[in-house]
Amino acid sequence: MNKVWISIIVVLLLIVFLYTQNNFLKVTKFKVDIKKDLGPFNGLKILHLSDLHNKSFGKNQNKIMKKIKNLNPDIIFFTGDLIDSRRDGIENGVDLLKECSSIASVYYITGNHEERSEKSLSLYEELNKLNVNILSNHKDILIKGEYKLNIIGIRDETISKGKSELVSKLKNIDMEESDINILLAHRPSYIEHYKTQKFDLVFSGHAHGGQIRAPLIGGLLAPDQGILPQYDSGIYKIDKTNLIVSRGLGNSLFPQRLFNRPQIILIILK
């Protein structure tokens, strides 16, 4: 085999590898014990998605929806950057939450890309038509008998305004420590502020898993956190708060993932 054919094969293998890194979805499952009596919420299955950046996973998002349907979630969270401020179109993001809302209740918060996009108002109008729960510095309550689960969503604009604004908004949201308290907040790097309100679970994205993941090291670079980010993927226990960070689904400024496939997270409460 001459050098030309070897070069062609190497290039083709590289193309296939890079394609799989951006498009082959990975499902990650965690069981989380929040050390509370969950009552009828014991075993609740929460699907966590983030950072689509208007990426397509097939017609009507059929590739990702096949995996989501197989997981049979009770509730679905999307933690920001459904669209991308640098690109036209909202269709892929709307299609994803449309299909998700046919399976379970969907709760959505903004990311930094929605906040600076001219397409945001159109996006919110479409999501309202789908009965997606858009949380913007307020909460929704799920009640089963005597048990209460609070889902609080913080708008990304609030986080970007700084600590005092963020803490003020969180303190103004009424909740009891005995309840199950969940926060949706796009940026994981503010966990030191989130934990002051004693949330049981915080769901975040934004870090893109560090974009490129190195063996034994993890993510290499993330927004807000810089080189070797502390919170880039997985579950972190900070005092009594469990921080769940999604690696996300799409890309933004840097178009390629490495050792960091698009991620679907399923959390099972116990």
Protein backbone atom coordinates (compact mmCIF):
# COMPACT_ATOMS: atom_id res chain seq x y z
CA MET A 1 0.00 0.00 0.00
CA ASN A 2 1.56 3.27 -1.08
CA LYS A 3 1.75 6.46 0.96
CA VAL A 4 -1.12 8.10 -0.92
CA TRP A 5 -3.60 5.39 0.10
CA ILE A 6 -2.33 5.40 3.67
CA SER A 7 -2.82 9.16 3.81
CA ILE A 8 -6.35 8.86 2.41
CA ILE A 9 -7.29 6.20 4.97
CA VAL A 10 -5.85 8.25 7.83
CA VAL A 11 -7.77 11.34 6.72
CA LEU A 12 -11.02 9.37 6.38
CA LEU A 13 -10.59 7.84 9.84
CA LEU A 14 -9.94 11.28 11.29
CA ILE A 15 -13.09 12.67 9.66
CA VAL A 16 -15.16 9.80 11.06
CA PHE A 17 -13.65 10.28 14.52
CA LEU A 18 -14.34 14.02 14.56
CA TYR A 19 -17.90 13.42 13.35
CA THR A 20 -18.62 10.93 16.12
CA GLN A 21 -17.25 13.31 18.74
CA ASN A 22 -19.78 15.97 17.76
CA ASN A 23 -22.77 13.79 16.89
CA PHE A 24 -22.80 10.46 18.76
CA LEU A 25 -24.87 11.04 21.89
CA LYS A 26 -23.81 9.72 25.28
CA VAL A 27 -26.33 8.91 28.02
CA THR A 28 -25.09 9.33 31.60
CA LYS A 29 -27.17 8.07 34.54
CA PHE A 30 -26.78 9.04 38.20
CA LYS A 31 -28.69 8.04 41.32
CA VAL A 32 -28.66 10.94 43.78
CA ASP A 33 -29.44 10.63 47.48
CA ILE A 34 -30.40 14.06 48.84
CA LYS A 35 -30.79 12.76 52.41
CA LYS A 36 -34.47 13.65 52.68
CA ASP A 37 -37.72 11.77 52.89
CA LEU A 38 -38.86 11.93 49.27
CA GLY A 39 -42.18 10.19 49.75
CA PRO A 40 -43.91 9.86 46.35
CA PHE A 41 -40.97 11.67 44.69
CA ASN A 42 -38.68 8.74 45.48
CA GLY A 43 -37.41 7.36 42.18
CA LEU A 44 -38.30 10.53 40.24
CA LYS A 45 -36.49 10.48 36.89
CA ILE A 46 -35.15 13.88 35.82
CA LEU A 47 -33.74 14.30 32.31
CA HIS A 48 -31.17 17.09 32.02
CA LEU A 49 -30.27 18.72 28.69
CA SER A 50 -28.25 21.86 28.03
CA ASP A 51 -26.43 23.98 25.45
CA LEU A 52 -27.96 22.79 22.19
CA HIS A 53 -26.89 25.96 20.34
CA ASN A 54 -29.59 25.18 17.76
CA LYS A 55 -27.84 21.98 16.67
CA SER A 56 -29.76 19.37 14.70
CA PHE A 57 -29.80 15.70 15.60
CA GLY A 58 -31.78 14.59 12.56
CA LYS A 59 -35.25 15.46 11.28
CA ASN A 60 -37.42 16.68 14.16
CA GLN A 61 -34.44 15.86 16.40
CA ASN A 62 -35.31 12.17 15.95
CA LYS A 63 -31.86 10.85 16.92
CA ILE A 64 -31.84 12.46 20.33
CA MET A 65 -35.56 11.88 20.87
CA LYS A 66 -35.20 8.15 20.38
CA LYS A 67 -32.79 8.02 23.31
CA ILE A 68 -34.93 10.33 25.44
CA LYS A 69 -38.06 8.25 24.87
CA ASN A 70 -36.21 5.09 25.88
CA LEU A 71 -35.24 6.76 29.19
CA ASN A 72 -38.91 7.54 29.96
CA PRO A 73 -38.28 10.61 32.17
CA ASP A 74 -40.85 12.05 34.56
CA ILE A 75 -39.65 15.61 34.05
CA ILE A 76 -37.20 17.38 31.72
CA PHE A 77 -34.88 20.31 32.49
CA PHE A 78 -33.12 22.44 29.87
CA THR A 79 -30.50 24.73 31.37
CA GLY A 80 -29.86 27.39 28.75
CA ASP A 81 -28.30 28.13 25.35
CA LEU A 82 -31.05 26.43 23.40
CA ILE A 83 -30.09 28.75 20.52
CA ASP A 84 -26.85 30.44 19.50
CA SER A 85 -26.52 34.20 19.26
CA ARG A 86 -23.96 33.88 16.45
CA ARG A 87 -26.23 31.85 14.16
CA ASP A 88 -29.57 32.35 12.46
CA GLY A 89 -32.58 30.25 13.30
CA ILE A 90 -34.40 28.85 16.31
CA GLU A 91 -36.07 25.89 14.61
CA ASN A 92 -33.86 23.10 15.93
CA GLY A 93 -34.18 24.35 19.49
CA VAL A 94 -37.95 24.68 19.22
CA ASP A 95 -38.21 21.22 17.64
CA LEU A 96 -36.29 19.66 20.52
CA LEU A 97 -38.49 21.12 23.25
CA LYS A 98 -41.62 20.45 21.20
CA GLU A 99 -40.78 16.77 21.04
CA CYS A 100 -39.68 16.72 24.69
CA SER A 101 -42.94 18.34 25.83
CA SER A 102 -44.88 15.47 24.28
CA ILE A 103 -43.13 13.12 26.72
CA ALA A 104 -43.00 15.04 30.01
CA SER A 105 -43.24 18.52 31.54
CA VAL A 106 -40.35 20.68 30.35
CA TYR A 107 -38.68 23.40 32.46
CA TYR A 108 -36.41 25.86 30.69
CA ILE A 109 -34.10 28.71 31.70
CA THR A 110 -32.10 31.11 29.59
CA GLY A 111 -28.38 30.97 28.98
CA ASN A 112 -26.04 33.75 27.97
CA HIS A 113 -26.80 33.21 24.27
CA GLU A 114 -30.54 33.82 24.67
CA GLU A 115 -29.84 36.96 26.66
CA ARG A 116 -27.84 38.56 23.84
CA SER A 117 -29.74 37.16 20.86
CA GLU A 118 -32.16 39.16 18.71
CA LYS A 119 -34.11 35.93 18.23
CA SER A 120 -34.99 35.48 21.90
CA LEU A 121 -38.48 37.01 21.82
CA SER A 122 -39.45 34.79 18.90
CA LEU A 123 -38.06 31.81 20.78
CA TYR A 124 -40.05 32.57 23.94
CA GLU A 125 -43.24 33.00 21.91
CA GLU A 126 -42.77 29.57 20.35
CA LEU A 127 -41.97 27.92 23.69
CA ASN A 128 -45.07 29.46 25.28
CA LYS A 129 -47.18 27.92 22.51
CA LEU A 130 -45.72 24.54 23.51
CA ASN A 131 -46.55 25.10 27.21
CA VAL A 132 -42.88 24.90 28.11
CA ASN A 133 -42.34 26.23 31.64
CA ILE A 134 -40.00 29.21 31.24
CA LEU A 135 -38.57 29.98 34.68
CA SER A 136 -37.23 33.51 35.09
CA ASN A 137 -36.35 34.23 38.73
CA HIS A 138 -39.38 32.37 40.04
CA LYS A 139 -40.47 28.87 40.93
CA ASP A 140 -42.96 26.18 40.06
CA ILE A 141 -44.25 23.77 42.68
CA LEU A 142 -45.05 20.08 42.32
CA ILE A 143 -47.22 18.74 45.14
CA LYS A 144 -47.97 15.11 45.93
CA GLY A 145 -49.90 14.70 49.14
CA GLU A 146 -47.88 16.33 51.92
CA TYR A 147 -44.70 16.43 49.83
CA LYS A 148 -43.57 19.47 47.90
CA LEU A 149 -40.91 19.83 45.20
CA ASN A 150 -39.85 23.38 44.29
CA ILE A 151 -38.25 24.03 40.91
CA ILE A 152 -36.56 27.43 40.84
CA GLY A 153 -35.14 28.93 37.68
CA ILE A 154 -32.72 31.85 37.51
CA ARG A 155 -32.49 33.97 34.38
CA ASP A 156 -28.92 34.18 33.13
CA GLU A 157 -29.09 37.97 32.97
CA THR A 158 -29.48 37.95 36.77
CA ILE A 159 -26.33 35.87 37.22
CA SER A 160 -24.30 38.09 34.91
CA LYS A 161 -25.21 41.17 36.98
CA GLY A 162 -23.12 39.84 39.85
CA LYS A 163 -23.28 38.34 43.32
CA SER A 164 -25.52 40.88 45.06
CA GLU A 165 -28.24 40.74 42.40
CA LEU A 166 -28.13 36.94 42.27
CA VAL A 167 -28.27 36.45 46.04
CA SER A 168 -31.08 39.00 46.34
CA LYS A 169 -33.21 37.20 43.75
CA LEU A 170 -32.60 33.81 45.37
CA LYS A 171 -33.52 35.10 48.83
CA ASN A 172 -36.78 36.50 47.50
CA ILE A 173 -37.94 33.05 46.38
CA ASP A 174 -39.98 31.48 49.16
CA MET A 175 -39.16 27.87 49.99
CA GLU A 176 -38.89 25.65 53.05
CA GLU A 177 -35.72 23.71 53.78
CA SER A 178 -37.84 20.63 54.49
CA ASP A 179 -39.12 20.66 50.89
CA ILE A 180 -37.22 19.23 47.93
CA ASN A 181 -35.56 22.31 46.44
CA ILE A 182 -34.09 22.32 42.94
CA LEU A 183 -32.37 25.23 41.18
CA LEU A 184 -31.84 25.60 37.44
CA ALA A 185 -28.98 28.03 36.77
CA HIS A 186 -26.96 28.15 33.56
CA ARG A 187 -23.53 28.87 35.04
CA PRO A 188 -21.97 26.34 37.45
CA SER A 189 -19.16 28.67 38.51
CA TYR A 190 -21.55 30.53 40.84
CA ILE A 191 -22.15 27.48 43.03
CA GLU A 192 -20.75 29.26 46.12
CA HIS A 193 -23.69 31.67 45.86
CA TYR A 194 -26.29 29.03 44.97
CA LYS A 195 -25.43 26.86 47.95
CA THR A 196 -26.15 29.66 50.43
CA GLN A 197 -29.86 29.02 49.88
CA LYS A 198 -29.47 25.31 50.71
CA PHE A 199 -30.69 23.85 47.44
CA ASP A 200 -30.68 20.06 47.31
CA LEU A 201 -29.87 20.00 43.61
CA VAL A 202 -28.51 22.58 41.18
CA PHE A 203 -28.61 21.85 37.44
CA SER A 204 -26.20 23.78 35.19
CA GLY A 205 -24.53 23.73 31.79
CA HIS A 206 -22.43 26.43 30.09
CA ALA A 207 -19.04 24.70 30.51
CA HIS A 208 -19.43 22.40 27.46
CA GLY A 209 -17.49 19.75 29.38
CA GLY A 210 -14.34 21.79 28.92
CA GLN A 211 -14.77 21.37 25.12
CA ILE A 212 -11.71 19.10 24.84
CA ARG A 213 -11.30 16.46 27.55
CA ALA A 214 -7.92 14.94 28.32
CA PRO A 215 -7.58 11.53 30.02
CA LEU A 216 -7.01 11.80 33.79
CA ILE A 217 -7.31 15.60 33.56
CA GLY A 218 -10.83 16.37 32.35
CA GLY A 219 -11.95 19.48 30.52
CA LEU A 220 -9.30 21.90 29.33
CA LEU A 221 -11.18 25.19 28.95
CA ALA A 222 -14.61 26.52 29.95
CA PRO A 223 -16.38 29.89 29.84
CA ASP A 224 -16.13 31.86 33.12
CA GLN A 225 -13.74 29.27 34.57
CA GLY A 226 -10.83 29.42 32.16
CA ILE A 227 -8.14 26.73 31.90
CA LEU A 228 -8.75 23.41 33.71
CA PRO A 229 -12.24 24.32 34.98
CA GLN A 230 -13.31 23.09 38.39
CA TYR A 231 -16.93 22.40 37.45
CA ASP A 232 -17.15 21.05 33.91
CA SER A 233 -18.95 17.70 33.96
CA GLY A 234 -20.76 15.37 36.33
CA ILE A 235 -21.87 15.68 39.96
CA TYR A 236 -20.16 17.76 42.64
CA LYS A 237 -21.12 17.74 46.32
CA ILE A 238 -20.72 21.16 47.92
CA ASP A 239 -21.88 21.08 51.54
CA LYS A 240 -25.43 19.68 51.23
CA THR A 241 -25.94 20.80 47.64
CA ASN A 242 -25.51 18.47 44.66
CA LEU A 243 -24.33 20.35 41.55
CA ILE A 244 -25.05 18.56 38.28
CA VAL A 245 -23.15 19.96 35.29
CA SER A 246 -24.11 18.88 31.78
CA ARG A 247 -21.48 18.71 29.05
CA GLY A 248 -24.16 19.97 26.67
CA LEU A 249 -25.25 18.99 23.19
CA GLY A 250 -23.85 21.52 20.72
CA ASN A 251 -20.97 23.87 20.09
CA SER A 252 -20.65 27.61 19.79
CA LEU A 253 -17.51 29.59 18.93
CA PHE A 254 -15.22 26.53 18.81
CA PRO A 255 -16.89 24.01 16.48
CA GLN A 256 -15.35 20.73 17.62
CA ARG A 257 -15.56 18.46 20.68
CA LEU A 258 -12.83 15.96 21.52
CA PHE A 259 -13.35 13.02 23.90
CA ASN A 260 -16.45 14.91 24.96
CA ARG A 261 -19.50 13.62 23.12
CA PRO A 262 -22.89 15.39 23.36
CA GLN A 263 -24.53 14.37 26.61
CA ILE A 264 -27.96 13.42 27.95
CA ILE A 265 -28.12 13.12 31.74
CA LEU A 266 -30.72 11.11 33.66
CA ILE A 267 -30.94 11.74 37.40
CA ILE A 268 -32.88 9.31 39.60
CA LEU A 269 -33.77 10.69 43.03
CA LYS A 270 -33.56 8.42 46.03
